[in-house]
Amino acid sequence: MDLAPPIRFELRRGAVTAIPLAIAVGLFGVSFGVLSASTGGMGALPAIVMSATTFAGSAQFAAASVLAGGGGPVTAILAALLLNARYLPIGVSVARFMLGGRVARFVQSQLVVDESWAIASRGGGEFDPHRLVGAGVVLWCAWVAGTVIGVLGGEALGDPAALGLDAAFPALFLALLVPQLGGRRARAAAALGAGIAVVLVPFTPAGVPIIAAAGAAVIGLVRR
């Protein structure tokens, strides 16, 4: 049975909107693949499997960096979990918009990342699940493909930092942030969150500043 036109439209809209972001995601995936395949990293096959099943760029990078630096698996897992803790409030915000039974909702939830969440946002706390799925599929493909390229062609690519790929994700997050700053309350929450993160970065482990900065959004929610 064909999808209803509105559903097809929102799926396509999410996918098309995600294409420019997918370029940055793919480049970051290349960087992750290179780091993972390097000496002391997690290895080629685990990196590809992790990208296909975990699909969480910053958390994967944290785990790979810990392993490449000589850290143990437990430390790597804890670092990844800490960075991924931000998906708890993100998941709560979109949960009521997910469609279908438990299995369908579980599959959809695997496509919830920062970029697909932002693309699916309609404003006012409303989200389109079809737009989220369309964007999530494109971003997932870009991330896994980038990882494979980085793993297989790491030696030819050299140091990703020399190519400026380490700047791809900060620029991407700024691009996602700007459309969300339409109101005074949103701008105040963003400024407060940025201030919290900047203060904590020099003194706390990776991931802690991100989680603490999310407190700015909670303050805005309580006021609302």
C-alpha atoms as a PDB file:
ATOM      1  CA  MET A   1       0.000   0.000   0.000  1.00  0.00           C
ATOM      2  CA  ASP A   2       1.340   3.426  -0.913  1.00  0.00           C
ATOM      3  CA  LEU A   3       2.114   5.894   1.802  1.00  0.00           C
ATOM      4  CA  ALA A   4      -0.323   8.768   2.127  1.00  0.00           C
ATOM      5  CA  PRO A   5       0.969  11.898   0.362  1.00  0.00           C
ATOM      6  CA  PRO A   6       1.515  13.884   3.607  1.00  0.00           C
ATOM      7  CA  ILE A   7       3.632  11.058   5.036  1.00  0.00           C
ATOM      8  CA  ARG A   8       5.678  10.750   1.846  1.00  0.00           C
ATOM      9  CA  PHE A   9       6.122  14.514   1.823  1.00  0.00           C
ATOM     10  CA  GLU A  10       7.376  14.693   5.414  1.00  0.00           C
ATOM     11  CA  LEU A  11       9.711  11.718   4.942  1.00  0.00           C
ATOM     12  CA  ARG A  12      11.145  13.339   1.822  1.00  0.00           C
ATOM     13  CA  ARG A  13      11.336  16.735   3.504  1.00  0.00           C
ATOM     14  CA  GLY A  14      13.290  15.307   6.404  1.00  0.00           C
ATOM     15  CA  ALA A  15      15.656  13.434   4.086  1.00  0.00           C
ATOM     16  CA  VAL A  16      16.306  16.398   1.789  1.00  0.00           C
ATOM     17  CA  THR A  17      16.824  18.798   4.700  1.00  0.00           C
ATOM     18  CA  ALA A  18      19.359  16.406   6.204  1.00  0.00           C
ATOM     19  CA  ILE A  19      21.563  16.164   3.102  1.00  0.00           C
ATOM     20  CA  PRO A  20      23.750  19.236   3.843  1.00  0.00           C
ATOM     21  CA  LEU A  21      24.132  18.083   7.453  1.00  0.00           C
ATOM     22  CA  ALA A  22      24.936  14.566   6.263  1.00  0.00           C
ATOM     23  CA  ILE A  23      28.048  15.896   4.532  1.00  0.00           C
ATOM     24  CA  ALA A  24      29.452  17.106   7.858  1.00  0.00           C
ATOM     25  CA  VAL A  25      28.306  13.914   9.594  1.00  0.00           C
ATOM     26  CA  GLY A  26      30.023  11.806   6.945  1.00  0.00           C
ATOM     27  CA  LEU A  27      33.269  13.744   7.303  1.00  0.00           C
ATOM     28  CA  PHE A  28      33.169  13.300  11.056  1.00  0.00           C
ATOM     29  CA  GLY A  29      32.526   9.595  10.487  1.00  0.00           C
ATOM     30  CA  VAL A  30      35.689   9.469   8.382  1.00  0.00           C
ATOM     31  CA  SER A  31      37.609  11.018  11.275  1.00  0.00           C
ATOM     32  CA  PHE A  32      36.141   8.460  13.684  1.00  0.00           C
ATOM     33  CA  GLY A  33      37.072   5.611  11.357  1.00  0.00           C
ATOM     34  CA  VAL A  34      40.659   6.834  11.053  1.00  0.00           C
ATOM     35  CA  LEU A  35      41.022   7.181  14.829  1.00  0.00           C
ATOM     36  CA  SER A  36      39.470   3.762  15.481  1.00  0.00           C
ATOM     37  CA  ALA A  37      41.687   1.953  12.980  1.00  0.00           C
ATOM     38  CA  SER A  38      44.892   3.602  14.221  1.00  0.00           C
ATOM     39  CA  THR A  39      47.314   1.948  16.603  1.00  0.00           C
ATOM     40  CA  GLY A  40      45.719   1.496  20.009  1.00  0.00           C
ATOM     41  CA  GLY A  41      42.197   2.202  18.740  1.00  0.00           C
ATOM     42  CA  MET A  42      39.224  -0.131  18.928  1.00  0.00           C
ATOM     43  CA  GLY A  43      39.899  -1.693  15.505  1.00  0.00           C
ATOM     44  CA  ALA A  44      38.228  -1.616  12.108  1.00  0.00           C
ATOM     45  CA  LEU A  45      35.344  -4.074  12.500  1.00  0.00           C
ATOM     46  CA  PRO A  46      34.290  -2.935  16.008  1.00  0.00           C
ATOM     47  CA  ALA A  47      34.258   0.671  14.753  1.00  0.00           C
ATOM     48  CA  ILE A  48      31.924  -0.156  11.864  1.00  0.00           C
ATOM     49  CA  VAL A  49      29.645  -2.269  14.064  1.00  0.00           C
ATOM     50  CA  MET A  50      29.543   0.482  16.687  1.00  0.00           C
ATOM     51  CA  SER A  51      28.605   3.100  14.104  1.00  0.00           C
ATOM     52  CA  ALA A  52      25.841   0.885  12.698  1.00  0.00           C
ATOM     53  CA  THR A  53      24.347   0.014  16.092  1.00  0.00           C
ATOM     54  CA  THR A  54      25.167   2.958  18.365  1.00  0.00           C
ATOM     55  CA  PHE A  55      24.986   5.898  15.918  1.00  0.00           C
ATOM     56  CA  ALA A  56      26.211   8.505  18.393  1.00  0.00           C
ATOM     57  CA  GLY A  57      29.137  10.504  17.066  1.00  0.00           C
ATOM     58  CA  SER A  58      30.447  12.312  20.133  1.00  0.00           C
ATOM     59  CA  ALA A  59      30.029   9.269  22.391  1.00  0.00           C
ATOM     60  CA  GLN A  60      31.783   7.007  19.884  1.00  0.00           C
ATOM     61  CA  PHE A  61      34.593   9.499  19.534  1.00  0.00           C
ATOM     62  CA  ALA A  62      34.988   9.642  23.309  1.00  0.00           C
ATOM     63  CA  ALA A  63      35.208   5.841  23.524  1.00  0.00           C
ATOM     64  CA  ALA A  64      37.710   5.625  20.659  1.00  0.00           C
ATOM     65  CA  SER A  65      39.847   8.417  22.132  1.00  0.00           C
ATOM     66  CA  VAL A  66      39.990   6.710  25.526  1.00  0.00           C
ATOM     67  CA  LEU A  67      41.057   3.412  23.937  1.00  0.00           C
ATOM     68  CA  ALA A  68      43.597   5.130  21.658  1.00  0.00           C
ATOM     69  CA  GLY A  69      45.056   6.851  24.720  1.00  0.00           C
ATOM     70  CA  GLY A  70      45.571   3.545  26.528  1.00  0.00           C
ATOM     71  CA  GLY A  71      42.411   3.582  28.636  1.00  0.00           C
ATOM     72  CA  GLY A  72      40.414   0.454  29.423  1.00  0.00           C
ATOM     73  CA  PRO A  73      37.040  -0.660  28.008  1.00  0.00           C
ATOM     74  CA  VAL A  74      35.157   0.270  31.189  1.00  0.00           C
ATOM     75  CA  THR A  75      36.476   3.830  31.083  1.00  0.00           C
ATOM     76  CA  ALA A  76      35.626   4.081  27.382  1.00  0.00           C
ATOM     77  CA  ILE A  77      32.063   2.857  27.987  1.00  0.00           C
ATOM     78  CA  LEU A  78      31.551   5.259  30.899  1.00  0.00           C
ATOM     79  CA  ALA A  79      32.761   8.193  28.789  1.00  0.00           C
ATOM     80  CA  ALA A  80      30.348   7.235  26.005  1.00  0.00           C
ATOM     81  CA  LEU A  81      27.425   6.836  28.407  1.00  0.00           C
ATOM     82  CA  LEU A  82      28.132  10.189  30.006  1.00  0.00           C
ATOM     83  CA  LEU A  83      28.072  11.979  26.657  1.00  0.00           C
ATOM     84  CA  ASN A  84      24.955  10.106  25.567  1.00  0.00           C
ATOM     85  CA  ALA A  85      23.082  11.084  28.731  1.00  0.00           C
ATOM     86  CA  ARG A  86      21.879  14.172  26.854  1.00  0.00           C
ATOM     87  CA  TYR A  87      19.560  11.901  24.882  1.00  0.00           C
ATOM     88  CA  LEU A  88      17.410  11.366  27.967  1.00  0.00           C
ATOM     89  CA  PRO A  89      15.749  14.809  27.761  1.00  0.00           C
ATOM     90  CA  ILE A  90      15.816  14.647  23.950  1.00  0.00           C
ATOM     91  CA  GLY A  91      14.045  11.286  24.063  1.00  0.00           C
ATOM     92  CA  VAL A  92      11.443  12.554  26.508  1.00  0.00           C
ATOM     93  CA  SER A  93      10.678  15.508  24.239  1.00  0.00           C
ATOM     94  CA  VAL A  94       9.882  13.331  21.191  1.00  0.00           C
ATOM     95  CA  ALA A  95       8.484  10.188  22.871  1.00  0.00           C
ATOM     96  CA  ARG A  96       4.815  11.131  22.625  1.00  0.00           C
ATOM     97  CA  PHE A  97       5.107  11.793  18.898  1.00  0.00           C
ATOM     98  CA  MET A  98       6.489   8.359  17.983  1.00  0.00           C
ATOM     99  CA  LEU A  99       4.099   6.147  16.024  1.00  0.00           C
ATOM    100  CA  GLY A 100       3.241   2.428  16.138  1.00  0.00           C
ATOM    101  CA  GLY A 101       3.846  -0.280  18.709  1.00  0.00           C
ATOM    102  CA  ARG A 102       6.870  -0.907  20.892  1.00  0.00           C
ATOM    103  CA  VAL A 103       9.022  -2.406  18.143  1.00  0.00           C
ATOM    104  CA  ALA A 104       8.279   0.414  15.704  1.00  0.00           C
ATOM    105  CA  ARG A 105       8.914   3.047  18.353  1.00  0.00           C
ATOM    106  CA  PHE A 106      12.173   1.336  19.338  1.00  0.00           C
ATOM    107  CA  VAL A 107      13.398   1.382  15.724  1.00  0.00           C
ATOM    108  CA  GLN A 108      12.424   5.030  15.323  1.00  0.00           C
ATOM    109  CA  SER A 109      14.226   5.933  18.542  1.00  0.00           C
ATOM    110  CA  GLN A 110      17.519   4.659  17.095  1.00  0.00           C
ATOM    111  CA  LEU A 111      17.315   7.460  14.519  1.00  0.00           C
ATOM    112  CA  VAL A 112      16.953  10.208  17.139  1.00  0.00           C
ATOM    113  CA  VAL A 113      20.176  12.229  17.070  1.00  0.00           C
ATOM    114  CA  ASP A 114      20.777  15.939  17.536  1.00  0.00           C
ATOM    115  CA  GLU A 115      20.396  16.678  13.815  1.00  0.00           C
ATOM    116  CA  SER A 116      17.246  14.620  13.172  1.00  0.00           C
ATOM    117  CA  TRP A 117      15.696  16.022  16.361  1.00  0.00           C
ATOM    118  CA  ALA A 118      16.314  19.587  15.175  1.00  0.00           C
ATOM    119  CA  ILE A 119      14.962  18.852  11.685  1.00  0.00           C
ATOM    120  CA  ALA A 120      11.827  17.221  13.110  1.00  0.00           C
ATOM    121  CA  SER A 121      11.071  20.183  15.374  1.00  0.00           C
ATOM    122  CA  ARG A 122       7.965  22.177  14.444  1.00  0.00           C
ATOM    123  CA  GLY A 123       8.463  24.684  17.253  1.00  0.00           C
ATOM    124  CA  GLY A 124       6.545  24.989  20.475  1.00  0.00           C
ATOM    125  CA  GLY A 125       7.638  21.522  21.611  1.00  0.00           C
ATOM    126  CA  GLU A 126       6.009  19.777  18.629  1.00  0.00           C
ATOM    127  CA  PHE A 127       7.827  17.216  16.449  1.00  0.00           C
ATOM    128  CA  ASP A 128       7.046  15.423  13.186  1.00  0.00           C
ATOM    129  CA  PRO A 129       7.967  11.702  13.467  1.00  0.00           C
ATOM    130  CA  HIS A 130       8.075  11.139   9.690  1.00  0.00           C
ATOM    131  CA  ARG A 131      10.443  14.048   9.181  1.00  0.00           C
ATOM    132  CA  LEU A 132      12.596  12.631  11.983  1.00  0.00           C
ATOM    133  CA  VAL A 133      12.750   9.202  10.316  1.00  0.00           C
ATOM    134  CA  GLY A 134      13.562  10.651   6.889  1.00  0.00           C
ATOM    135  CA  ALA A 135      16.394  12.735   8.313  1.00  0.00           C
ATOM    136  CA  GLY A 136      17.616   9.943  10.587  1.00  0.00           C
ATOM    137  CA  VAL A 137      17.987   7.421   7.776  1.00  0.00           C
ATOM    138  CA  VAL A 138      20.059   9.826   5.651  1.00  0.00           C
ATOM    139  CA  LEU A 139      22.275  10.763   8.601  1.00  0.00           C
ATOM    140  CA  TRP A 140      22.750   7.121   9.632  1.00  0.00           C
ATOM    141  CA  CYS A 141      23.841   6.181   6.110  1.00  0.00           C
ATOM    142  CA  ALA A 142      26.295   9.097   6.040  1.00  0.00           C
ATOM    143  CA  TRP A 143      27.752   8.203   9.434  1.00  0.00           C
ATOM    144  CA  VAL A 144      28.248   4.505   8.649  1.00  0.00           C
ATOM    145  CA  ALA A 145      29.626   5.235   5.165  1.00  0.00           C
ATOM    146  CA  GLY A 146      32.052   7.793   6.603  1.00  0.00           C
ATOM    147  CA  THR A 147      33.237   5.288   9.194  1.00  0.00           C
ATOM    148  CA  VAL A 148      33.860   2.644   6.531  1.00  0.00           C
ATOM    149  CA  ILE A 149      35.818   5.124   4.393  1.00  0.00           C
ATOM    150  CA  GLY A 150      37.903   6.195   7.384  1.00  0.00           C
ATOM    151  CA  VAL A 151      38.611   2.616   8.410  1.00  0.00           C
ATOM    152  CA  LEU A 152      39.566   1.412   4.922  1.00  0.00           C
ATOM    153  CA  GLY A 153      41.371   4.541   3.729  1.00  0.00           C
ATOM    154  CA  GLY A 154      42.813   5.816   6.975  1.00  0.00           C
ATOM    155  CA  GLU A 155      46.444   5.487   5.940  1.00  0.00           C
ATOM    156  CA  ALA A 156      45.861   7.417   2.710  1.00  0.00           C
ATOM    157  CA  LEU A 157      43.856  10.152   4.468  1.00  0.00           C
ATOM    158  CA  GLY A 158      46.428  10.768   7.195  1.00  0.00           C
ATOM    159  CA  ASP A 159      45.629  12.878  10.258  1.00  0.00           C
ATOM    160  CA  PRO A 160      41.993  14.104  10.120  1.00  0.00           C
ATOM    161  CA  ALA A 161      42.901  17.151  12.216  1.00  0.00           C
ATOM    162  CA  ALA A 162      45.202  18.331   9.429  1.00  0.00           C
ATOM    163  CA  LEU A 163      42.175  18.409   7.111  1.00  0.00           C
ATOM    164  CA  GLY A 164      40.110  20.437   9.548  1.00  0.00           C
ATOM    165  CA  LEU A 165      37.574  17.638  10.060  1.00  0.00           C
ATOM    166  CA  ASP A 166      37.725  18.210  13.826  1.00  0.00           C
ATOM    167  CA  ALA A 167      35.893  21.493  13.237  1.00  0.00           C
ATOM    168  CA  ALA A 168      33.005  19.874  11.360  1.00  0.00           C
ATOM    169  CA  PHE A 169      30.849  19.006  14.371  1.00  0.00           C
ATOM    170  CA  PRO A 170      31.181  22.311  16.279  1.00  0.00           C
ATOM    171  CA  ALA A 171      30.146  24.116  13.090  1.00  0.00           C
ATOM    172  CA  LEU A 172      27.291  21.656  12.621  1.00  0.00           C
ATOM    173  CA  PHE A 173      25.948  22.190  16.136  1.00  0.00           C
ATOM    174  CA  LEU A 174      26.047  25.955  15.664  1.00  0.00           C
ATOM    175  CA  ALA A 175      24.035  25.538  12.465  1.00  0.00           C
ATOM    176  CA  LEU A 176      21.461  23.475  14.384  1.00  0.00           C
ATOM    177  CA  LEU A 177      21.296  25.998  17.210  1.00  0.00           C
ATOM    178  CA  VAL A 178      20.596  29.158  15.223  1.00  0.00           C
ATOM    179  CA  PRO A 179      17.060  28.213  14.020  1.00  0.00           C
ATOM    180  CA  GLN A 180      16.073  27.402  17.633  1.00  0.00           C
ATOM    181  CA  LEU A 181      16.809  30.936  18.885  1.00  0.00           C
ATOM    182  CA  GLY A 182      13.601  32.577  17.780  1.00  0.00           C
ATOM    183  CA  GLY A 183      12.464  33.812  21.188  1.00  0.00           C
ATOM    184  CA  ARG A 184      13.984  35.686  24.085  1.00  0.00           C
ATOM    185  CA  ARG A 185      13.636  32.712  26.419  1.00  0.00           C
ATOM    186  CA  ALA A 186      15.401  30.422  23.934  1.00  0.00           C
ATOM    187  CA  ARG A 187      18.278  32.860  23.552  1.00  0.00           C
ATOM    188  CA  ALA A 188      18.593  33.219  27.318  1.00  0.00           C
ATOM    189  CA  ALA A 189      18.675  29.428  27.785  1.00  0.00           C
ATOM    190  CA  ALA A 190      21.296  29.079  25.046  1.00  0.00           C
ATOM    191  CA  ALA A 191      23.483  31.790  26.559  1.00  0.00           C
ATOM    192  CA  LEU A 192      23.199  30.287  30.038  1.00  0.00           C
ATOM    193  CA  GLY A 193      23.974  26.790  28.741  1.00  0.00           C
ATOM    194  CA  ALA A 194      27.016  28.062  26.841  1.00  0.00           C
ATOM    195  CA  GLY A 195      28.257  29.864  29.938  1.00  0.00           C
ATOM    196  CA  ILE A 196      27.900  26.751  32.105  1.00  0.00           C
ATOM    197  CA  ALA A 197      29.781  24.637  29.549  1.00  0.00           C
ATOM    198  CA  VAL A 198      32.619  27.154  29.128  1.00  0.00           C
ATOM    199  CA  VAL A 199      33.144  27.381  32.889  1.00  0.00           C
ATOM    200  CA  LEU A 200      33.177  23.591  33.400  1.00  0.00           C
ATOM    201  CA  VAL A 201      35.292  22.473  30.404  1.00  0.00           C
ATOM    202  CA  PRO A 202      38.712  23.141  32.034  1.00  0.00           C
ATOM    203  CA  PHE A 203      37.828  21.359  35.285  1.00  0.00           C
ATOM    204  CA  THR A 204      35.528  18.405  34.519  1.00  0.00           C
ATOM    205  CA  PRO A 205      35.691  15.197  32.444  1.00  0.00           C
ATOM    206  CA  ALA A 206      34.371  15.154  28.879  1.00  0.00           C
ATOM    207  CA  GLY A 207      30.595  14.980  28.832  1.00  0.00           C
ATOM    208  CA  VAL A 208      29.967  16.663  32.180  1.00  0.00           C
ATOM    209  CA  PRO A 209      29.801  20.217  30.711  1.00  0.00           C
ATOM    210  CA  ILE A 210      27.196  19.064  28.163  1.00  0.00           C
ATOM    211  CA  ILE A 211      24.963  17.472  30.792  1.00  0.00           C
ATOM    212  CA  ALA A 212      25.320  20.423  33.156  1.00  0.00           C
ATOM    213  CA  ALA A 213      24.560  22.890  30.351  1.00  0.00           C
ATOM    214  CA  ALA A 214      21.259  21.089  29.745  1.00  0.00           C
ATOM    215  CA  GLY A 215      20.187  22.485  33.113  1.00  0.00           C
ATOM    216  CA  ALA A 216      19.637  25.821  31.397  1.00  0.00           C
ATOM    217  CA  ALA A 217      16.827  24.282  29.336  1.00  0.00           C
ATOM    218  CA  VAL A 218      15.271  22.754  32.473  1.00  0.00           C
ATOM    219  CA  ILE A 219      15.205  26.190  34.093  1.00  0.00           C
ATOM    220  CA  GLY A 220      13.324  27.506  31.083  1.00  0.00           C
ATOM    221  CA  LEU A 221      10.866  24.610  31.277  1.00  0.00           C
ATOM    222  CA  VAL A 222      10.172  25.240  34.967  1.00  0.00           C
ATOM    223  CA  ARG A 223       9.541  28.930  34.298  1.00  0.00           C
ATOM    224  CA  ARG A 224       7.169  28.028  31.474  1.00  0.00           C
END
